[in-house]
PDB file of N, CA and C in Angstrom:
ATOM      1  N   MET A   1     150.810  23.448 106.312  1.00  0.00           N
ATOM      2  CA  MET A   1     150.271  23.425 107.684  1.00  0.00           C
ATOM      3  C   MET A   1     151.521  23.257 108.551  1.00  0.00           C
ATOM      4  N   LYS A   2     151.579  24.084 109.700  1.00  0.00           N
ATOM      5  CA  LYS A   2     152.710  23.979 110.536  1.00  0.00           C
ATOM      6  C   LYS A   2     152.215  23.803 112.034  1.00  0.00           C
ATOM      7  N   GLN A   3     152.782  22.943 112.723  1.00  0.00           N
ATOM      8  CA  GLN A   3     152.470  22.786 114.203  1.00  0.00           C
ATOM      9  C   GLN A   3     153.389  23.720 115.043  1.00  0.00           C
ATOM     10  N   ASN A   4     152.691  24.429 115.802  1.00  0.00           N
ATOM     11  CA  ASN A   4     153.488  25.404 116.598  1.00  0.00           C
ATOM     12  C   ASN A   4     152.924  25.350 118.030  1.00  0.00           C
ATOM     13  N   GLY A   5     153.587  24.558 118.865  1.00  0.00           N
ATOM     14  CA  GLY A   5     153.074  24.339 120.248  1.00  0.00           C
ATOM     15  C   GLY A   5     151.786  23.794 120.227  1.00  0.00           C
ATOM     16  N   ALA A   6     150.817  24.321 121.002  1.00  0.00           N
ATOM     17  CA  ALA A   6     149.431  23.813 121.065  1.00  0.00           C
ATOM     18  C   ALA A   6     148.577  24.445 119.922  1.00  0.00           C
ATOM     19  N   SER A   7     149.114  25.213 119.108  1.00  0.00           N
ATOM     20  CA  SER A   7     148.258  25.833 118.043  1.00  0.00           C
ATOM     21  C   SER A   7     148.691  25.222 116.641  1.00  0.00           C
ATOM     22  N   THR A   8     147.626  25.238 115.792  1.00  0.00           N
ATOM     23  CA  THR A   8     147.887  24.829 114.456  1.00  0.00           C
ATOM     24  C   THR A   8     147.743  26.004 113.492  1.00  0.00           C
ATOM     25  N   VAL A   9     148.678  26.203 112.726  1.00  0.00           N
ATOM     26  CA  VAL A   9     148.660  27.390 111.761  1.00  0.00           C
ATOM     27  C   VAL A   9     148.393  26.919 110.354  1.00  0.00           C
ATOM     28  N   TYR A  10     147.227  27.306 109.814  1.00  0.00           N
ATOM     29  CA  TYR A  10     147.037  26.971 108.346  1.00  0.00           C
ATOM     30  C   TYR A  10     147.367  28.217 107.429  1.00  0.00           C
ATOM     31  N   GLN A  11     148.103  28.008 106.449  1.00  0.00           N
ATOM     32  CA  GLN A  11     148.465  29.104 105.449  1.00  0.00           C
ATOM     33  C   GLN A  11     147.526  29.001 104.309  1.00  0.00           C
ATOM     34  N   VAL A  12     146.617  29.987 104.209  1.00  0.00           N
ATOM     35  CA  VAL A  12     145.589  30.011 103.092  1.00  0.00           C
ATOM     36  C   VAL A  12     146.154  31.008 102.023  1.00  0.00           C
ATOM     37  N   CYS A  13     146.457  30.438 100.842  1.00  0.00           N
ATOM     38  CA  CYS A  13     147.023  31.257  99.779  1.00  0.00           C
ATOM     39  C   CYS A  13     145.962  31.488  98.665  1.00  0.00           C
ATOM     40  N   PRO A  14     145.740  32.655  98.232  1.00  0.00           N
ATOM     41  CA  PRO A  14     144.727  32.857  97.070  1.00  0.00           C
ATOM     42  C   PRO A  14     145.286  32.419  95.733  1.00  0.00           C
ATOM     43  N   GLY A  15     146.678  32.339  95.729  1.00  0.00           N
ATOM     44  CA  GLY A  15     147.298  31.795  94.505  1.00  0.00           C
ATOM     45  C   GLY A  15     147.353  32.842  93.357  1.00  0.00           C
ATOM     46  N   ASN A  16     147.177  34.076  93.548  1.00  0.00           N
ATOM     47  CA  ASN A  16     147.145  35.117  92.608  1.00  0.00           C
ATOM     48  C   ASN A  16     148.224  36.155  92.877  1.00  0.00           C
ATOM     49  N   GLY A  17     149.151  35.838  93.772  1.00  0.00           N
ATOM     50  CA  GLY A  17     150.191  36.791  94.050  1.00  0.00           C
ATOM     51  C   GLY A  17     149.771  37.658  95.279  1.00  0.00           C
ATOM     52  N   GLU A  18     148.654  37.658  95.809  1.00  0.00           N
ATOM     53  CA  GLU A  18     148.248  38.530  96.903  1.00  0.00           C
ATOM     54  C   GLU A  18     148.741  37.845  98.181  1.00  0.00           C
ATOM     55  N   ALA A  19     148.708  38.704  99.233  1.00  0.00           N
ATOM     56  CA  ALA A  19     149.198  38.091 100.600  1.00  0.00           C
ATOM     57  C   ALA A  19     148.195  36.941 100.945  1.00  0.00           C
ATOM     58  N   GLY A  20     148.692  35.959 101.619  1.00  0.00           N
ATOM     59  CA  GLY A  20     147.864  34.908 102.062  1.00  0.00           C
ATOM     60  C   GLY A  20     147.251  35.300 103.463  1.00  0.00           C
ATOM     61  N   VAL A  21     146.486  34.320 103.896  1.00  0.00           N
ATOM     62  CA  VAL A  21     145.837  34.555 105.256  1.00  0.00           C
ATOM     63  C   VAL A  21     146.216  33.324 106.173  1.00  0.00           C
ATOM     64  N   SER A  22     146.767  33.648 107.373  1.00  0.00           N
ATOM     65  CA  SER A  22     147.090  32.642 108.277  1.00  0.00           C
ATOM     66  C   SER A  22     145.840  32.404 109.229  1.00  0.00           C
ATOM     67  N   VAL A  23     145.466  31.161 109.329  1.00  0.00           N
ATOM     68  CA  VAL A  23     144.270  30.822 110.267  1.00  0.00           C
ATOM     69  C   VAL A  23     144.907  30.071 111.388  1.00  0.00           C
ATOM     70  N   VAL A  24     144.850  30.526 112.631  1.00  0.00           N
ATOM     71  CA  VAL A  24     145.481  29.964 113.803  1.00  0.00           C
ATOM     72  C   VAL A  24     144.362  29.287 114.546  1.00  0.00           C
ATOM     73  N   VAL A  25     144.482  27.946 114.775  1.00  0.00           N
ATOM     74  CA  VAL A  25     143.567  27.234 115.650  1.00  0.00           C
ATOM     75  C   VAL A  25     144.312  26.815 116.908  1.00  0.00           C
ATOM     76  N   ASN A  26     143.934  27.303 118.070  1.00  0.00           N
ATOM     77  CA  ASN A  26     144.680  26.942 119.302  1.00  0.00           C
ATOM     78  C   ASN A  26     144.052  25.708 119.932  1.00  0.00           C
ATOM     79  N   ALA A  27     144.615  25.312 121.141  1.00  0.00           N
ATOM     80  CA  ALA A  27     144.167  24.105 121.780  1.00  0.00           C
ATOM     81  C   ALA A  27     142.758  24.207 122.220  1.00  0.00           C
ATOM     82  N   GLY A  28     142.296  25.362 122.443  1.00  0.00           N
ATOM     83  CA  GLY A  28     140.929  25.549 122.944  1.00  0.00           C
ATOM     84  C   GLY A  28     139.844  25.571 121.868  1.00  0.00           C
ATOM     85  N   GLY A  29     140.362  25.375 120.510  1.00  0.00           N
ATOM     86  CA  GLY A  29     139.417  25.365 119.474  1.00  0.00           C
ATOM     87  C   GLY A  29     139.124  26.727 118.863  1.00  0.00           C
ATOM     88  N   GLN A  30     139.683  27.690 119.464  1.00  0.00           N
ATOM     89  CA  GLN A  30     139.376  29.094 118.928  1.00  0.00           C
ATOM     90  C   GLN A  30     140.195  29.355 117.711  1.00  0.00           C
ATOM     91  N   THR A  31     139.614  30.133 116.800  1.00  0.00           N
ATOM     92  CA  THR A  31     140.372  30.470 115.600  1.00  0.00           C
ATOM     93  C   THR A  31     140.627  31.967 115.488  1.00  0.00           C
ATOM     94  N   SER A  32     141.772  32.328 114.866  1.00  0.00           N
ATOM     95  CA  SER A  32     141.950  33.737 114.625  1.00  0.00           C
ATOM     96  C   SER A  32     142.680  33.762 113.247  1.00  0.00           C
ATOM     97  N   ARG A  33     142.364  34.960 112.584  1.00  0.00           N
ATOM     98  CA  ARG A  33     142.965  35.126 111.314  1.00  0.00           C
ATOM     99  C   ARG A  33     143.881  36.294 111.319  1.00  0.00           C
ATOM    100  N   ASP A  34     145.080  35.965 110.654  1.00  0.00           N
ATOM    101  CA  ASP A  34     146.051  37.011 110.531  1.00  0.00           C
ATOM    102  C   ASP A  34     146.116  37.509 109.106  1.00  0.00           C
ATOM    103  N   GLN A  35     145.849  38.651 108.825  1.00  0.00           N
ATOM    104  CA  GLN A  35     145.726  39.273 107.487  1.00  0.00           C
ATOM    105  C   GLN A  35     147.163  39.700 106.976  1.00  0.00           C
ATOM    106  N   VAL A  36     148.165  39.601 107.819  1.00  0.00           N
ATOM    107  CA  VAL A  36     149.498  40.017 107.470  1.00  0.00           C
ATOM    108  C   VAL A  36     150.367  38.777 107.209  1.00  0.00           C
ATOM    109  N   ALA A  37     149.785  37.709 106.685  1.00  0.00           N
ATOM    110  CA  ALA A  37     150.533  36.526 106.321  1.00  0.00           C
ATOM    111  C   ALA A  37     151.389  36.807 105.142  1.00  0.00           C
ATOM    112  N   PRO A  38     152.620  36.164 105.147  1.00  0.00           N
ATOM    113  CA  PRO A  38     153.532  36.258 104.034  1.00  0.00           C
ATOM    114  C   PRO A  38     152.805  36.030 102.578  1.00  0.00           C
ATOM    115  N   ALA A  39     153.199  36.672 101.576  1.00  0.00           N
ATOM    116  CA  ALA A  39     152.561  36.390 100.275  1.00  0.00           C
ATOM    117  C   ALA A  39     153.173  35.017  99.757  1.00  0.00           C
ATOM    118  N   CYS A  40     152.293  34.285  99.110  1.00  0.00           N
ATOM    119  CA  CYS A  40     152.720  33.057  98.466  1.00  0.00           C
ATOM    120  C   CYS A  40     152.096  32.774  97.146  1.00  0.00           C
ATOM    121  N   SER A  41     152.727  31.938  96.412  1.00  0.00           N
ATOM    122  CA  SER A  41     152.132  31.761  95.028  1.00  0.00           C
ATOM    123  C   SER A  41     151.903  30.251  94.741  1.00  0.00           C
TER     124      SER A  41
END
């Protein structure tokens, strides 16, 4: 989990070598998913 300004980015990793998903929660409580998160294991 990383703090980036007023947004909080959660790195969600499937753990099977596939690309993870970044879930961004901004100050307004809105969430957005980034499907091009870096792969993690």
